[in-house]
Amino acid sequence: MATSAQLRVSGSAGSWYGTSGTADQQRPVRPTDRFRIGSVTKVFVATVVLQLAAERKVDLDRPVQQYLPGLLPPQLEPVTVSQLLNHTSGIPFEVGFPDVSTPEKVLEHRYDQWTPSQRVALIPNTKAKFTPGSQQEYRGINYVLAAMLIEKVTGHTYGHEVATRILCPLGLSHTYVPGANETRIRGAHVHGYLNVPGRGLVDVSDFNTSRSYGEGDMISTTGDLTRFAAALFDGRLLPPHLLDKMFTVPRVSMVDGKSASYSAGMQTFTINGVTVWGKTGEQYGYNAGLFSTRDQQRRIVYSFTPVARDATQQQMTLRIAHAATS
């Protein structure tokens, strides 16, 4: 179940925008309503890191340990910046996260505040799960580190760099990186809810996403994400040899044996014979996605507000993908 949904399809094949449900259980969803984009944040972060590589401020083949000395556990093998971006780092899972396995636990921890260093400190002092570069495993911590790398190299917050390099030049005025203490979504927005036993739908729009720093904390709209995708795929943000890294999946297997599907910042899949590139994203009460064919014949941006973290989210995403590619 979801309380709202919106889909924006654009590109040379034609355009369409539609909504369903309500933004706050009263008024209809509007195109300028903001929502939490979750892991779509990673596309912005990867773009900035690749821009820094274009400026020769970052060497993609250099270990991140050289940029952030003493941060990662000493037993961990060298992990290159490229391996962070395409999820082949092998960094072991963090240990010590609070239990958020139920809606009640989510509400209990909704205002917890995290620093990036606190998140990294949860990485156990062991060797990598696999030799870096030899397999692929999607891991949010890779992008926490990528955002910290941006800050170390530039001397500015990753949010400042995203705003300066992407948001302001493209006029994405409804998109931003919230501050560590910022829990409310600015301006008009779609509200997210969780179905809590005994309480019904509880509004979780007000939430501290600092634990998702650099990997899932940004806020945007379908219009802004569409403009971002158009500029990125057009080559307005990256030179061709670095943009190609966002369309290059490493020739390795996922840890579960499936073929790798993640590139630098994006993922790819083929549905109804149409191959698209982009990223899905999730936060409590929110699910979003940004995808496009490489030739931009078809761009797809969506958002919906699920009330439970279960298999229905994937089912909803597949329904959207089928509808947009049929």
C-alpha atoms as a PDB file:
ATOM      1  CA  MET A   1       0.000   0.000   0.000  1.00  0.00           C
ATOM      2  CA  ALA A   2       1.117   3.547  -0.784  1.00  0.00           C
ATOM      3  CA  THR A   3      -0.555   6.846   0.055  1.00  0.00           C
ATOM      4  CA  SER A   4       0.664   8.597  -3.101  1.00  0.00           C
ATOM      5  CA  ALA A   5       2.567   8.101  -6.337  1.00  0.00           C
ATOM      6  CA  GLN A   6       3.844  10.256  -9.152  1.00  0.00           C
ATOM      7  CA  LEU A   7       5.508   9.374 -12.428  1.00  0.00           C
ATOM      8  CA  ARG A   8       7.234  11.631 -14.932  1.00  0.00           C
ATOM      9  CA  VAL A   9       8.215  10.207 -18.327  1.00  0.00           C
ATOM     10  CA  SER A  10      10.124  12.371 -20.785  1.00  0.00           C
ATOM     11  CA  GLY A  11      12.581  12.169 -23.653  1.00  0.00           C
ATOM     12  CA  SER A  12      12.471  12.133 -27.429  1.00  0.00           C
ATOM     13  CA  ALA A  13       9.788   9.411 -27.418  1.00  0.00           C
ATOM     14  CA  GLY A  14       7.319  11.718 -25.664  1.00  0.00           C
ATOM     15  CA  SER A  15       6.357  13.113 -22.267  1.00  0.00           C
ATOM     16  CA  TRP A  16       3.781  12.277 -19.617  1.00  0.00           C
ATOM     17  CA  TYR A  17       3.219  13.172 -15.966  1.00  0.00           C
ATOM     18  CA  GLY A  18       0.645  11.756 -13.599  1.00  0.00           C
ATOM     19  CA  THR A  19      -0.119  11.425  -9.909  1.00  0.00           C
ATOM     20  CA  SER A  20      -2.293   9.342  -7.630  1.00  0.00           C
ATOM     21  CA  GLY A  21      -3.219   9.687  -3.970  1.00  0.00           C
ATOM     22  CA  THR A  22      -2.591  12.680  -1.750  1.00  0.00           C
ATOM     23  CA  ALA A  23       0.423  14.553  -0.447  1.00  0.00           C
ATOM     24  CA  ASP A  24      -0.822  14.754   3.149  1.00  0.00           C
ATOM     25  CA  GLN A  25      -4.063  12.705   3.196  1.00  0.00           C
ATOM     26  CA  GLN A  26      -5.933  15.839   2.092  1.00  0.00           C
ATOM     27  CA  ARG A  27      -4.574  17.678  -0.951  1.00  0.00           C
ATOM     28  CA  PRO A  28      -3.451  16.170  -4.276  1.00  0.00           C
ATOM     29  CA  VAL A  29       0.236  15.746  -5.066  1.00  0.00           C
ATOM     30  CA  ARG A  30       1.731  18.687  -6.969  1.00  0.00           C
ATOM     31  CA  PRO A  31       4.710  18.541  -9.374  1.00  0.00           C
ATOM     32  CA  THR A  32       6.767  20.844  -7.127  1.00  0.00           C
ATOM     33  CA  ASP A  33       6.243  18.755  -3.988  1.00  0.00           C
ATOM     34  CA  ARG A  34       9.533  17.577  -2.548  1.00  0.00           C
ATOM     35  CA  PHE A  35      10.241  14.043  -1.336  1.00  0.00           C
ATOM     36  CA  ARG A  36      13.162  12.065   0.063  1.00  0.00           C
ATOM     37  CA  ILE A  37      15.104  10.451  -2.791  1.00  0.00           C
ATOM     38  CA  GLY A  38      17.102   7.924  -0.759  1.00  0.00           C
ATOM     39  CA  SER A  39      19.915   6.260  -2.697  1.00  0.00           C
ATOM     40  CA  VAL A  40      19.348   8.387  -5.803  1.00  0.00           C
ATOM     41  CA  THR A  41      21.692  10.614  -3.767  1.00  0.00           C
ATOM     42  CA  LYS A  42      24.516   8.334  -4.911  1.00  0.00           C
ATOM     43  CA  VAL A  43      24.219   9.575  -8.503  1.00  0.00           C
ATOM     44  CA  PHE A  44      24.938  13.132  -7.336  1.00  0.00           C
ATOM     45  CA  VAL A  45      27.862  12.047  -5.152  1.00  0.00           C
ATOM     46  CA  ALA A  46      29.425   9.936  -7.910  1.00  0.00           C
ATOM     47  CA  THR A  47      29.094  12.847 -10.334  1.00  0.00           C
ATOM     48  CA  VAL A  48      30.990  15.175  -7.989  1.00  0.00           C
ATOM     49  CA  VAL A  49      33.759  12.605  -7.391  1.00  0.00           C
ATOM     50  CA  LEU A  50      34.151  12.138 -11.151  1.00  0.00           C
ATOM     51  CA  GLN A  51      34.248  15.912 -11.625  1.00  0.00           C
ATOM     52  CA  LEU A  52      37.082  16.058  -9.098  1.00  0.00           C
ATOM     53  CA  ALA A  53      38.830  13.327 -11.082  1.00  0.00           C
ATOM     54  CA  ALA A  54      38.433  15.444 -14.230  1.00  0.00           C
ATOM     55  CA  GLU A  55      40.108  18.296 -12.338  1.00  0.00           C
ATOM     56  CA  ARG A  56      42.910  15.914 -11.258  1.00  0.00           C
ATOM     57  CA  LYS A  57      42.084  16.480  -7.616  1.00  0.00           C
ATOM     58  CA  VAL A  58      41.169  12.823  -7.204  1.00  0.00           C
ATOM     59  CA  ASP A  59      42.887   9.769  -8.690  1.00  0.00           C
ATOM     60  CA  LEU A  60      40.266   7.056  -9.151  1.00  0.00           C
ATOM     61  CA  ASP A  61      42.940   4.325  -8.943  1.00  0.00           C
ATOM     62  CA  ARG A  62      44.392   5.605  -5.673  1.00  0.00           C
ATOM     63  CA  PRO A  63      43.368   3.923  -2.389  1.00  0.00           C
ATOM     64  CA  VAL A  64      40.845   5.881  -0.388  1.00  0.00           C
ATOM     65  CA  GLN A  65      43.038   5.170   2.661  1.00  0.00           C
ATOM     66  CA  GLN A  66      45.562   7.634   1.232  1.00  0.00           C
ATOM     67  CA  TYR A  67      42.939  10.384   1.097  1.00  0.00           C
ATOM     68  CA  LEU A  68      41.422   9.515   4.477  1.00  0.00           C
ATOM     69  CA  PRO A  69      44.394   8.164   6.478  1.00  0.00           C
ATOM     70  CA  GLY A  70      43.662   6.351   9.715  1.00  0.00           C
ATOM     71  CA  LEU A  71      39.912   6.269   9.127  1.00  0.00           C
ATOM     72  CA  LEU A  72      39.380   2.706   7.940  1.00  0.00           C
ATOM     73  CA  PRO A  73      40.371  -0.348  10.001  1.00  0.00           C
ATOM     74  CA  PRO A  74      44.089  -1.187   9.563  1.00  0.00           C
ATOM     75  CA  GLN A  75      43.396  -4.804   8.548  1.00  0.00           C
ATOM     76  CA  LEU A  76      41.304  -3.703   5.570  1.00  0.00           C
ATOM     77  CA  GLU A  77      43.012  -4.076   2.206  1.00  0.00           C
ATOM     78  CA  PRO A  78      43.583  -0.938   0.056  1.00  0.00           C
ATOM     79  CA  VAL A  79      40.322   0.127  -1.614  1.00  0.00           C
ATOM     80  CA  THR A  80      40.478   2.435  -4.612  1.00  0.00           C
ATOM     81  CA  VAL A  81      38.100   5.308  -5.195  1.00  0.00           C
ATOM     82  CA  SER A  82      36.706   3.499  -8.257  1.00  0.00           C
ATOM     83  CA  GLN A  83      35.960   0.458  -6.128  1.00  0.00           C
ATOM     84  CA  LEU A  84      33.931   2.617  -3.765  1.00  0.00           C
ATOM     85  CA  LEU A  85      31.914   4.064  -6.623  1.00  0.00           C
ATOM     86  CA  ASN A  86      31.085   0.724  -8.285  1.00  0.00           C
ATOM     87  CA  HIS A  87      30.558  -1.256  -5.063  1.00  0.00           C
ATOM     88  CA  THR A  88      33.495  -3.634  -5.479  1.00  0.00           C
ATOM     89  CA  SER A  89      35.257  -2.509  -2.261  1.00  0.00           C
ATOM     90  CA  GLY A  90      34.546  -5.624  -0.202  1.00  0.00           C
ATOM     91  CA  ILE A  91      34.217  -3.493   2.930  1.00  0.00           C
ATOM     92  CA  PRO A  92      32.624  -5.678   5.641  1.00  0.00           C
ATOM     93  CA  PHE A  93      29.219  -4.831   7.045  1.00  0.00           C
ATOM     94  CA  GLU A  94      29.130  -2.373   9.920  1.00  0.00           C
ATOM     95  CA  VAL A  95      28.422  -3.802  13.355  1.00  0.00           C
ATOM     96  CA  GLY A  96      26.365  -2.014  16.004  1.00  0.00           C
ATOM     97  CA  PHE A  97      23.496  -0.311  14.179  1.00  0.00           C
ATOM     98  CA  PRO A  98      20.396   0.196  16.319  1.00  0.00           C
ATOM     99  CA  ASP A  99      17.555  -2.251  15.757  1.00  0.00           C
ATOM    100  CA  VAL A 100      15.071  -0.755  13.289  1.00  0.00           C
ATOM    101  CA  SER A 101      13.453  -4.031  12.267  1.00  0.00           C
ATOM    102  CA  THR A 102       9.907  -2.952  13.196  1.00  0.00           C
ATOM    103  CA  PRO A 103       7.897   0.246  12.665  1.00  0.00           C
ATOM    104  CA  GLU A 104       7.962   0.836  16.430  1.00  0.00           C
ATOM    105  CA  LYS A 105      11.769   0.643  16.449  1.00  0.00           C
ATOM    106  CA  VAL A 106      11.974   3.000  13.469  1.00  0.00           C
ATOM    107  CA  LEU A 107       9.959   5.605  15.366  1.00  0.00           C
ATOM    108  CA  GLU A 108      12.129   5.103  18.455  1.00  0.00           C
ATOM    109  CA  HIS A 109      15.255   5.985  16.465  1.00  0.00           C
ATOM    110  CA  ARG A 110      13.816   8.539  14.019  1.00  0.00           C
ATOM    111  CA  TYR A 111      15.712  11.461  15.579  1.00  0.00           C
ATOM    112  CA  ASP A 112      19.030   9.704  16.160  1.00  0.00           C
ATOM    113  CA  GLN A 113      21.876  11.876  14.921  1.00  0.00           C
ATOM    114  CA  TRP A 114      24.947  10.391  13.315  1.00  0.00           C
ATOM    115  CA  THR A 115      28.243  11.747  12.077  1.00  0.00           C
ATOM    116  CA  PRO A 116      29.986  10.103   9.111  1.00  0.00           C
ATOM    117  CA  SER A 117      32.869   9.133  11.392  1.00  0.00           C
ATOM    118  CA  GLN A 118      30.472   7.354  13.753  1.00  0.00           C
ATOM    119  CA  ARG A 119      29.122   5.360  10.832  1.00  0.00           C
ATOM    120  CA  VAL A 120      32.611   4.408   9.612  1.00  0.00           C
ATOM    121  CA  ALA A 121      33.626   3.456  13.150  1.00  0.00           C
ATOM    122  CA  LEU A 122      31.136   0.570  12.958  1.00  0.00           C
ATOM    123  CA  ILE A 123      33.251  -1.189  10.304  1.00  0.00           C
ATOM    124  CA  PRO A 124      34.906  -4.138  12.075  1.00  0.00           C
ATOM    125  CA  ASN A 125      38.696  -4.412  12.069  1.00  0.00           C
ATOM    126  CA  THR A 126      38.820  -7.405   9.744  1.00  0.00           C
ATOM    127  CA  LYS A 127      39.948  -8.095   6.223  1.00  0.00           C
ATOM    128  CA  ALA A 128      37.634  -7.309   3.320  1.00  0.00           C
ATOM    129  CA  LYS A 129      34.769  -9.717   2.601  1.00  0.00           C
ATOM    130  CA  PHE A 130      36.449 -10.359  -0.738  1.00  0.00           C
ATOM    131  CA  THR A 131      39.511  -9.050  -2.525  1.00  0.00           C
ATOM    132  CA  PRO A 132      38.639  -5.474  -3.538  1.00  0.00           C
ATOM    133  CA  GLY A 133      37.714  -5.379  -7.206  1.00  0.00           C
ATOM    134  CA  SER A 134      36.999  -9.114  -7.485  1.00  0.00           C
ATOM    135  CA  GLN A 135      33.260  -9.117  -6.716  1.00  0.00           C
ATOM    136  CA  GLN A 136      30.398  -6.668  -6.329  1.00  0.00           C
ATOM    137  CA  GLU A 137      28.201  -6.037  -3.301  1.00  0.00           C
ATOM    138  CA  TYR A 138      25.947  -3.006  -3.020  1.00  0.00           C
ATOM    139  CA  ARG A 139      26.960  -1.149   0.143  1.00  0.00           C
ATOM    140  CA  GLY A 140      25.882   2.267   1.404  1.00  0.00           C
ATOM    141  CA  ILE A 141      29.124   2.746   3.353  1.00  0.00           C
ATOM    142  CA  ASN A 142      30.963   3.118   0.027  1.00  0.00           C
ATOM    143  CA  TYR A 143      29.180   6.413  -0.530  1.00  0.00           C
ATOM    144  CA  VAL A 144      29.561   7.633   3.026  1.00  0.00           C
ATOM    145  CA  LEU A 145      33.293   7.350   2.341  1.00  0.00           C
ATOM    146  CA  ALA A 146      32.941   8.952  -1.108  1.00  0.00           C
ATOM    147  CA  ALA A 147      31.216  11.959   0.460  1.00  0.00           C
ATOM    148  CA  MET A 148      33.943  12.184   3.118  1.00  0.00           C
ATOM    149  CA  LEU A 149      36.506  12.077   0.311  1.00  0.00           C
ATOM    150  CA  ILE A 150      34.796  15.030  -1.379  1.00  0.00           C
ATOM    151  CA  GLU A 151      34.978  17.006   1.851  1.00  0.00           C
ATOM    152  CA  LYS A 152      38.634  16.143   2.477  1.00  0.00           C
ATOM    153  CA  VAL A 153      39.708  17.122  -1.039  1.00  0.00           C
ATOM    154  CA  THR A 154      37.648  20.318  -1.369  1.00  0.00           C
ATOM    155  CA  GLY A 155      37.492  21.585   2.217  1.00  0.00           C
ATOM    156  CA  HIS A 156      33.719  21.978   1.862  1.00  0.00           C
ATOM    157  CA  THR A 157      30.751  19.814   2.824  1.00  0.00           C
ATOM    158  CA  TYR A 158      29.622  17.420   0.166  1.00  0.00           C
ATOM    159  CA  GLY A 159      26.295  19.289   0.148  1.00  0.00           C
ATOM    160  CA  HIS A 160      28.110  22.521  -0.722  1.00  0.00           C
ATOM    161  CA  GLU A 161      29.897  20.815  -3.607  1.00  0.00           C
ATOM    162  CA  VAL A 162      26.693  19.242  -4.926  1.00  0.00           C
ATOM    163  CA  ALA A 163      24.965  22.631  -4.782  1.00  0.00           C
ATOM    164  CA  THR A 164      27.841  24.553  -6.378  1.00  0.00           C
ATOM    165  CA  ARG A 165      28.649  22.057  -9.096  1.00  0.00           C
ATOM    166  CA  ILE A 166      25.213  20.661  -9.988  1.00  0.00           C
ATOM    167  CA  LEU A 167      22.173  22.242  -8.361  1.00  0.00           C
ATOM    168  CA  CYS A 168      22.910  25.926  -8.962  1.00  0.00           C
ATOM    169  CA  PRO A 169      24.254  25.598 -12.541  1.00  0.00           C
ATOM    170  CA  LEU A 170      21.240  23.503 -13.564  1.00  0.00           C
ATOM    171  CA  GLY A 171      18.686  25.593 -11.665  1.00  0.00           C
ATOM    172  CA  LEU A 172      17.541  22.671  -9.487  1.00  0.00           C
ATOM    173  CA  SER A 173      15.980  24.954  -6.899  1.00  0.00           C
ATOM    174  CA  HIS A 174      13.863  22.264  -5.244  1.00  0.00           C
ATOM    175  CA  THR A 175      16.775  19.935  -4.517  1.00  0.00           C
ATOM    176  CA  TYR A 176      19.082  20.072  -1.503  1.00  0.00           C
ATOM    177  CA  VAL A 177      21.216  18.185   0.982  1.00  0.00           C
ATOM    178  CA  PRO A 178      19.745  18.607   4.479  1.00  0.00           C
ATOM    179  CA  GLY A 179      21.948  19.580   7.393  1.00  0.00           C
ATOM    180  CA  ALA A 180      22.826  17.056  10.104  1.00  0.00           C
ATOM    181  CA  ASN A 181      20.257  18.555  12.510  1.00  0.00           C
ATOM    182  CA  GLU A 182      17.588  19.125   9.870  1.00  0.00           C
ATOM    183  CA  THR A 183      14.653  16.741  10.196  1.00  0.00           C
ATOM    184  CA  ARG A 184      11.815  18.508   8.388  1.00  0.00           C
ATOM    185  CA  ILE A 185      11.465  18.682   4.610  1.00  0.00           C
ATOM    186  CA  ARG A 186      11.551  22.292   3.483  1.00  0.00           C
ATOM    187  CA  GLY A 187       8.486  23.798   1.825  1.00  0.00           C
ATOM    188  CA  ALA A 188       5.615  21.877   0.255  1.00  0.00           C
ATOM    189  CA  HIS A 189       6.281  18.165   0.217  1.00  0.00           C
ATOM    190  CA  VAL A 190       4.771  14.734  -0.037  1.00  0.00           C
ATOM    191  CA  HIS A 191       4.343  13.183   3.398  1.00  0.00           C
ATOM    192  CA  GLY A 192       5.583   9.668   4.087  1.00  0.00           C
ATOM    193  CA  TYR A 193       3.861   7.290   6.495  1.00  0.00           C
ATOM    194  CA  LEU A 194       4.499   4.004   8.271  1.00  0.00           C
ATOM    195  CA  ASN A 195       1.748   1.604   9.249  1.00  0.00           C
ATOM    196  CA  VAL A 196       2.372   1.057  12.971  1.00  0.00           C
ATOM    197  CA  PRO A 197       0.453  -1.762  14.721  1.00  0.00           C
ATOM    198  CA  GLY A 198      -2.143  -0.307  17.088  1.00  0.00           C
ATOM    199  CA  ARG A 199      -1.593   3.241  15.805  1.00  0.00           C
ATOM    200  CA  GLY A 200      -2.388   3.108  12.115  1.00  0.00           C
ATOM    201  CA  LEU A 201      -0.559   5.426   9.719  1.00  0.00           C
ATOM    202  CA  VAL A 202       2.084   7.548  11.440  1.00  0.00           C
ATOM    203  CA  ASP A 203       3.644  10.478   9.563  1.00  0.00           C
ATOM    204  CA  VAL A 204       7.425   9.933   9.320  1.00  0.00           C
ATOM    205  CA  SER A 205       8.179  12.886   7.057  1.00  0.00           C
ATOM    206  CA  ASP A 206       9.990  14.471   9.991  1.00  0.00           C
ATOM    207  CA  PHE A 207      13.084  12.265  10.234  1.00  0.00           C
ATOM    208  CA  ASN A 208      16.817  12.636  10.844  1.00  0.00           C
ATOM    209  CA  THR A 209      18.586  11.060   7.870  1.00  0.00           C
ATOM    210  CA  SER A 210      22.142  11.840   9.030  1.00  0.00           C
ATOM    211  CA  ARG A 211      22.898   8.103   9.175  1.00  0.00           C
ATOM    212  CA  SER A 212      22.413   8.102   5.392  1.00  0.00           C
ATOM    213  CA  TYR A 213      24.921  10.915   4.842  1.00  0.00           C
ATOM    214  CA  GLY A 214      26.219  10.842   1.280  1.00  0.00           C
ATOM    215  CA  GLU A 215      24.331   7.678   0.417  1.00  0.00           C
ATOM    216  CA  GLY A 216      20.654   8.497   0.865  1.00  0.00           C
ATOM    217  CA  ASP A 217      19.878  11.841   2.512  1.00  0.00           C
ATOM    218  CA  MET A 218      19.002  14.205  -0.355  1.00  0.00           C
ATOM    219  CA  ILE A 219      15.577  15.714  -1.131  1.00  0.00           C
ATOM    220  CA  SER A 220      14.237  16.633  -4.583  1.00  0.00           C
ATOM    221  CA  THR A 221      11.271  16.652  -6.997  1.00  0.00           C
ATOM    222  CA  THR A 222      10.458  14.706 -10.158  1.00  0.00           C
ATOM    223  CA  GLY A 223      11.080  17.807 -12.263  1.00  0.00           C
ATOM    224  CA  ASP A 224      14.515  18.492 -10.798  1.00  0.00           C
ATOM    225  CA  LEU A 225      15.581  14.857 -11.097  1.00  0.00           C
ATOM    226  CA  THR A 226      14.484  14.836 -14.741  1.00  0.00           C
ATOM    227  CA  ARG A 227      16.578  17.937 -15.487  1.00  0.00           C
ATOM    228  CA  PHE A 228      19.542  16.424 -13.656  1.00  0.00           C
ATOM    229  CA  ALA A 229      19.290  13.200 -15.668  1.00  0.00           C
ATOM    230  CA  ALA A 230      19.073  15.132 -18.946  1.00  0.00           C
ATOM    231  CA  ALA A 231      22.184  17.187 -18.145  1.00  0.00           C
ATOM    232  CA  LEU A 232      24.146  14.184 -16.914  1.00  0.00           C
ATOM    233  CA  PHE A 233      23.360  11.944 -19.877  1.00  0.00           C
ATOM    234  CA  ASP A 234      23.917  14.852 -22.299  1.00  0.00           C
ATOM    235  CA  GLY A 235      27.502  15.167 -21.061  1.00  0.00           C
ATOM    236  CA  ARG A 236      27.060  18.627 -19.584  1.00  0.00           C
ATOM    237  CA  LEU A 237      28.442  17.566 -16.202  1.00  0.00           C
ATOM    238  CA  LEU A 238      31.298  15.199 -17.105  1.00  0.00           C
ATOM    239  CA  PRO A 239      33.808  14.701 -19.927  1.00  0.00           C
ATOM    240  CA  PRO A 240      33.106  11.631 -22.091  1.00  0.00           C
ATOM    241  CA  HIS A 241      35.803   9.332 -20.665  1.00  0.00           C
ATOM    242  CA  LEU A 242      34.512   9.843 -17.117  1.00  0.00           C
ATOM    243  CA  LEU A 243      30.834   9.771 -18.046  1.00  0.00           C
ATOM    244  CA  ASP A 244      31.541   6.360 -19.585  1.00  0.00           C
ATOM    245  CA  LYS A 245      32.378   5.067 -16.098  1.00  0.00           C
ATOM    246  CA  MET A 246      28.758   5.634 -15.135  1.00  0.00           C
ATOM    247  CA  PHE A 247      27.765   3.322 -18.007  1.00  0.00           C
ATOM    248  CA  THR A 248      30.406   0.657 -17.379  1.00  0.00           C
ATOM    249  CA  VAL A 249      29.597  -2.309 -15.154  1.00  0.00           C
ATOM    250  CA  PRO A 250      32.675  -4.186 -13.868  1.00  0.00           C
ATOM    251  CA  ARG A 251      33.114  -7.687 -15.295  1.00  0.00           C
ATOM    252  CA  VAL A 252      32.657  -9.482 -12.000  1.00  0.00           C
ATOM    253  CA  SER A 253      29.838 -11.291 -10.243  1.00  0.00           C
ATOM    254  CA  MET A 254      27.757 -10.131  -7.332  1.00  0.00           C
ATOM    255  CA  VAL A 255      28.411 -11.989  -4.079  1.00  0.00           C
ATOM    256  CA  ASP A 256      25.207 -13.976  -4.702  1.00  0.00           C
ATOM    257  CA  GLY A 257      26.528 -15.205  -8.057  1.00  0.00           C
ATOM    258  CA  LYS A 258      24.424 -12.938 -10.262  1.00  0.00           C
ATOM    259  CA  SER A 259      26.053 -10.709 -12.864  1.00  0.00           C
ATOM    260  CA  ALA A 260      27.156  -7.307 -11.643  1.00  0.00           C
ATOM    261  CA  SER A 261      24.640  -4.534 -12.344  1.00  0.00           C
ATOM    262  CA  TYR A 262      26.155  -1.436 -10.698  1.00  0.00           C
ATOM    263  CA  SER A 263      28.450   1.082 -12.356  1.00  0.00           C
ATOM    264  CA  ALA A 264      29.943   4.237 -10.847  1.00  0.00           C
ATOM    265  CA  GLY A 265      26.881   5.769  -9.191  1.00  0.00           C
ATOM    266  CA  MET A 266      24.226   3.969 -11.181  1.00  0.00           C
ATOM    267  CA  GLN A 267      22.675   0.588 -11.887  1.00  0.00           C
ATOM    268  CA  THR A 268      21.262  -0.910 -15.061  1.00  0.00           C
ATOM    269  CA  PHE A 269      18.507  -3.315 -16.000  1.00  0.00           C
ATOM    270  CA  THR A 270      16.548  -4.302 -19.092  1.00  0.00           C
ATOM    271  CA  ILE A 271      12.775  -4.577 -19.060  1.00  0.00           C
ATOM    272  CA  ASN A 272      10.479  -5.095 -22.050  1.00  0.00           C
ATOM    273  CA  GLY A 273      13.603  -5.014 -24.209  1.00  0.00           C
ATOM    274  CA  VAL A 274      14.504  -1.498 -23.005  1.00  0.00           C
ATOM    275  CA  THR A 275      17.841  -1.018 -21.200  1.00  0.00           C
ATOM    276  CA  VAL A 276      17.899   1.842 -18.722  1.00  0.00           C
ATOM    277  CA  TRP A 277      20.509   3.339 -16.401  1.00  0.00           C
ATOM    278  CA  GLY A 278      19.920   5.190 -13.145  1.00  0.00           C
ATOM    279  CA  LYS A 279      19.210   4.525  -9.498  1.00  0.00           C
ATOM    280  CA  THR A 280      16.455   3.525  -7.109  1.00  0.00           C
ATOM    281  CA  GLY A 281      16.186   5.052  -3.652  1.00  0.00           C
ATOM    282  CA  GLU A 282      14.409   4.407  -0.384  1.00  0.00           C
ATOM    283  CA  GLN A 283      13.846   6.086   2.962  1.00  0.00           C
ATOM    284  CA  TYR A 284      11.214   5.291   5.589  1.00  0.00           C
ATOM    285  CA  GLY A 285       7.894   6.252   3.996  1.00  0.00           C
ATOM    286  CA  TYR A 286       9.480   7.038   0.611  1.00  0.00           C
ATOM    287  CA  ASN A 287      10.598   5.251  -2.537  1.00  0.00           C
ATOM    288  CA  ALA A 288      12.015   6.971  -5.609  1.00  0.00           C
ATOM    289  CA  GLY A 289      13.825   6.288  -8.854  1.00  0.00           C
ATOM    290  CA  LEU A 290      15.627   8.013 -11.708  1.00  0.00           C
ATOM    291  CA  PHE A 291      16.293   6.098 -14.950  1.00  0.00           C
ATOM    292  CA  SER A 292      16.937   6.815 -18.611  1.00  0.00           C
ATOM    293  CA  THR A 293      17.949   5.049 -21.773  1.00  0.00           C
ATOM    294  CA  ARG A 294      21.424   6.167 -22.680  1.00  0.00           C
ATOM    295  CA  ASP A 295      20.153   7.940 -25.800  1.00  0.00           C
ATOM    296  CA  GLN A 296      17.492   9.668 -23.634  1.00  0.00           C
ATOM    297  CA  GLN A 297      14.687   8.461 -25.828  1.00  0.00           C
ATOM    298  CA  ARG A 298      12.964   7.668 -22.566  1.00  0.00           C
ATOM    299  CA  ARG A 299      13.599   9.156 -19.121  1.00  0.00           C
ATOM    300  CA  ILE A 300      11.705   7.875 -16.078  1.00  0.00           C
ATOM    301  CA  VAL A 301      11.470   9.563 -12.679  1.00  0.00           C
ATOM    302  CA  TYR A 302       9.052   8.341 -10.037  1.00  0.00           C
ATOM    303  CA  SER A 303       8.202   8.648  -6.377  1.00  0.00           C
ATOM    304  CA  PHE A 304       5.739   6.821  -4.183  1.00  0.00           C
ATOM    305  CA  THR A 305       5.105   6.678  -0.457  1.00  0.00           C
ATOM    306  CA  PRO A 306       4.858   3.089   0.803  1.00  0.00           C
ATOM    307  CA  VAL A 307       3.564   2.494   4.324  1.00  0.00           C
ATOM    308  CA  ALA A 308       5.577  -0.699   4.896  1.00  0.00           C
ATOM    309  CA  ARG A 309       9.085  -1.891   4.105  1.00  0.00           C
ATOM    310  CA  ASP A 310       8.244  -5.162   2.393  1.00  0.00           C
ATOM    311  CA  ALA A 311       8.035  -6.874  -0.994  1.00  0.00           C
ATOM    312  CA  THR A 312       5.206  -4.578  -2.126  1.00  0.00           C
ATOM    313  CA  GLN A 313       7.774  -1.835  -2.771  1.00  0.00           C
ATOM    314  CA  GLN A 314       9.559  -3.928  -5.387  1.00  0.00           C
ATOM    315  CA  GLN A 315       6.214  -4.913  -6.890  1.00  0.00           C
ATOM    316  CA  MET A 316       5.250  -1.236  -7.190  1.00  0.00           C
ATOM    317  CA  THR A 317       8.617  -0.386  -8.767  1.00  0.00           C
ATOM    318  CA  LEU A 318       8.202  -3.157 -11.328  1.00  0.00           C
ATOM    319  CA  ARG A 319       4.692  -1.952 -12.190  1.00  0.00           C
ATOM    320  CA  ILE A 320       6.086   1.527 -12.835  1.00  0.00           C
ATOM    321  CA  ALA A 321       8.944   0.141 -14.928  1.00  0.00           C
ATOM    322  CA  HIS A 322       6.596  -1.991 -17.040  1.00  0.00           C
ATOM    323  CA  ALA A 323       4.206   0.931 -17.573  1.00  0.00           C
ATOM    324  CA  ALA A 324       7.012   3.299 -18.612  1.00  0.00           C
ATOM    325  CA  THR A 325       8.730   0.885 -20.997  1.00  0.00           C
ATOM    326  CA  SER A 326       5.743  -0.805 -22.662  1.00  0.00           C
END
